[in-house]
Amino acid sequence: MALLPGPSSSLLSFADDLAARWGDVLLLAGRILLASLFLASGYGAFNNIAGTAAYLVSLGLSPPVPLAWFTAILELVLGVALVLGVATRWAALGTFVWVLITVITAHRYWTYPAAQQGAQYINFLKNLSIMGGALYVFATGAGRYAVDAILARR
């Protein structure tokens, strides 16, 4: 007897049917969940430009105030675009690139003191997961519940 069900298993068939029936809703939910980080982060940066600029200075990045504004605006725009499904593939690609840049500049767990590396490593892996989610959105598109879909029907 096999340990895992085969492709004709009723459980796998149920999962396939569920995904087929609810695919567009699940794509919307996935976009919202992915965007929630960018909306919260962008909102926080927007409401604390001085704090964001100070953090950028601590990373050795300059000019800090224009970069802080850029960060806040970009994260809000990416989040809104993902939620609404506007230029979704471009938003997903932008999300991937933005998280890659932040991983390289701000989330280098190996530069932290040894006692902090474990927690920072988990955050690093979460960022890689976000990048994976962005690639999924890039590959699948927004689905039916998106501005992109409305515009495509015209």
Protein backbone atom coordinates (compact mmCIF):
# COMPACT_ATOMS: atom_id res chain seq x y z
CA MET A 1 0.00 0.00 0.00
CA ALA A 2 1.38 3.41 -0.97
CA LEU A 3 2.01 5.99 1.74
CA LEU A 4 0.73 8.86 -0.41
CA PRO A 5 -2.48 8.83 -2.41
CA GLY A 6 -2.14 8.53 -6.15
CA PRO A 7 -3.28 11.11 -8.70
CA SER A 8 -6.76 9.56 -8.85
CA SER A 9 -7.24 9.93 -5.10
CA SER A 10 -10.52 11.49 -4.07
CA LEU A 11 -8.67 13.90 -1.74
CA LEU A 12 -6.49 15.19 -4.57
CA SER A 13 -9.48 15.35 -6.87
CA PHE A 14 -11.36 17.34 -4.23
CA ALA A 15 -8.46 19.78 -3.92
CA ASP A 16 -8.28 20.18 -7.71
CA ASP A 17 -12.04 20.79 -7.90
CA LEU A 18 -11.89 23.29 -5.05
CA ALA A 19 -9.05 25.19 -6.71
CA ALA A 20 -10.88 25.21 -10.03
CA ARG A 21 -14.12 26.50 -8.49
CA TRP A 22 -12.56 29.05 -6.15
CA GLY A 23 -9.43 29.93 -8.14
CA ASP A 24 -10.30 33.56 -8.81
CA VAL A 25 -11.34 34.16 -5.21
CA LEU A 26 -8.13 32.51 -4.00
CA LEU A 27 -6.06 34.67 -6.36
CA LEU A 28 -7.75 37.76 -4.93
CA ALA A 29 -7.14 36.56 -1.36
CA GLY A 30 -3.50 35.84 -2.19
CA ARG A 31 -3.02 39.30 -3.69
CA ILE A 32 -4.59 40.92 -0.63
CA LEU A 33 -2.42 38.90 1.75
CA LEU A 34 0.72 39.69 -0.22
CA ALA A 35 -0.21 43.37 -0.44
CA SER A 36 -0.96 43.70 3.28
CA LEU A 37 2.73 43.86 4.13
CA PHE A 38 3.39 46.62 1.62
CA LEU A 39 0.33 48.62 2.64
CA ALA A 40 1.26 48.45 6.33
CA SER A 41 4.93 49.15 5.72
CA GLY A 42 4.27 51.98 3.29
CA TYR A 43 1.69 53.52 5.61
CA GLY A 44 4.15 53.30 8.52
CA ALA A 45 6.95 54.85 6.48
CA PHE A 46 4.64 57.59 5.21
CA ASN A 47 3.58 58.48 8.76
CA ASN A 48 7.16 58.44 10.05
CA ILE A 49 9.41 59.79 7.31
CA ALA A 50 11.96 60.95 9.90
CA GLY A 51 12.16 57.48 11.45
CA THR A 52 12.38 55.81 8.06
CA ALA A 53 15.13 58.25 7.03
CA ALA A 54 17.02 57.54 10.28
CA TYR A 55 16.83 53.80 9.57
CA LEU A 56 18.14 54.39 6.05
CA VAL A 57 21.05 56.41 7.51
CA SER A 58 21.82 53.48 9.85
CA LEU A 59 22.10 51.31 6.74
CA GLY A 60 24.47 53.80 5.12
CA LEU A 61 21.97 54.80 2.43
CA SER A 62 21.61 58.33 1.18
CA PRO A 63 19.99 60.69 0.52
CA PRO A 64 17.81 59.41 3.37
CA VAL A 65 14.78 61.72 3.21
CA PRO A 66 14.12 61.33 -0.54
CA LEU A 67 14.68 57.57 -0.19
CA ALA A 68 12.25 57.47 2.73
CA TRP A 69 9.58 59.20 0.62
CA PHE A 70 10.35 56.89 -2.31
CA THR A 71 10.03 53.85 -0.02
CA ALA A 72 6.71 54.98 1.43
CA ILE A 73 5.18 55.84 -1.94
CA LEU A 74 6.48 52.73 -3.72
CA GLU A 75 5.23 50.35 -1.04
CA LEU A 76 1.80 51.99 -1.01
CA VAL A 77 1.56 51.94 -4.81
CA LEU A 78 2.64 48.29 -5.01
CA GLY A 79 0.17 47.31 -2.27
CA VAL A 80 -2.77 49.13 -3.86
CA ALA A 81 -1.92 47.77 -7.32
CA LEU A 82 -1.85 44.20 -5.99
CA VAL A 83 -5.13 44.55 -4.09
CA LEU A 84 -6.98 46.13 -6.99
CA GLY A 85 -5.30 43.99 -9.64
CA VAL A 86 -4.04 46.96 -11.63
CA ALA A 87 -1.04 46.21 -13.87
CA THR A 88 -0.82 43.12 -11.72
CA ARG A 89 2.10 41.40 -13.40
CA TRP A 90 4.13 44.64 -13.31
CA ALA A 91 3.20 45.13 -9.65
CA ALA A 92 4.26 41.57 -8.88
CA LEU A 93 7.55 42.04 -10.72
CA GLY A 94 8.08 45.34 -8.91
CA THR A 95 7.34 43.61 -5.61
CA PHE A 96 9.89 40.90 -6.36
CA VAL A 97 12.58 43.45 -7.29
CA TRP A 98 11.78 45.70 -4.30
CA VAL A 99 12.02 42.83 -1.81
CA LEU A 100 15.25 41.67 -3.47
CA ILE A 101 16.69 45.16 -3.02
CA THR A 102 15.59 45.30 0.62
CA VAL A 103 17.07 41.86 1.29
CA ILE A 104 20.39 42.98 -0.16
CA THR A 105 20.47 46.34 1.63
CA ALA A 106 18.60 45.90 4.90
CA HIS A 107 18.04 42.25 5.77
CA ARG A 108 21.52 40.76 5.66
CA TYR A 109 21.19 38.42 8.63
CA TRP A 110 24.88 37.44 8.41
CA THR A 111 25.92 41.00 9.38
CA TYR A 112 24.03 40.90 12.70
CA PRO A 113 25.60 39.83 16.01
CA ALA A 114 25.54 36.06 16.51
CA ALA A 115 22.77 36.26 19.11
CA GLN A 116 20.47 38.01 16.61
CA GLN A 117 21.29 35.98 13.50
CA GLY A 118 18.72 33.24 14.09
CA ALA A 119 15.78 35.64 14.24
CA GLN A 120 17.14 37.69 11.35
CA TYR A 121 17.61 34.52 9.30
CA ILE A 122 13.90 33.72 9.75
CA ASN A 123 13.06 37.25 8.54
CA PHE A 124 15.40 36.72 5.58
CA LEU A 125 13.57 33.49 4.69
CA LYS A 126 10.20 35.26 5.02
CA ASN A 127 11.44 37.79 2.48
CA LEU A 128 12.42 34.98 0.14
CA SER A 129 8.89 33.58 0.58
CA ILE A 130 7.39 36.96 -0.29
CA MET A 131 9.53 36.96 -3.42
CA GLY A 132 8.13 33.50 -4.24
CA GLY A 133 4.59 34.78 -3.79
CA ALA A 134 5.35 37.69 -6.10
CA LEU A 135 6.61 35.25 -8.73
CA TYR A 136 3.38 33.27 -8.43
CA VAL A 137 1.31 36.40 -8.98
CA PHE A 138 3.54 37.34 -11.90
CA ALA A 139 3.01 33.89 -13.47
CA THR A 140 -0.72 33.54 -12.83
CA GLY A 141 -1.90 37.11 -13.20
CA ALA A 142 -4.69 38.70 -11.21
CA GLY A 143 -7.62 36.43 -11.99
CA ARG A 144 -11.19 37.50 -12.68
CA TYR A 145 -11.60 39.84 -9.69
CA ALA A 146 -9.25 42.58 -10.79
CA VAL A 147 -9.18 45.84 -12.68
CA ASP A 148 -6.96 44.12 -15.24
CA ALA A 149 -9.76 41.63 -15.99
CA ILE A 150 -12.34 44.41 -16.34
CA LEU A 151 -10.10 46.29 -18.75
CA ALA A 152 -9.39 43.12 -20.76
CA ARG A 153 -13.13 42.62 -21.37
CA ARG A 154 -13.51 46.02 -23.03
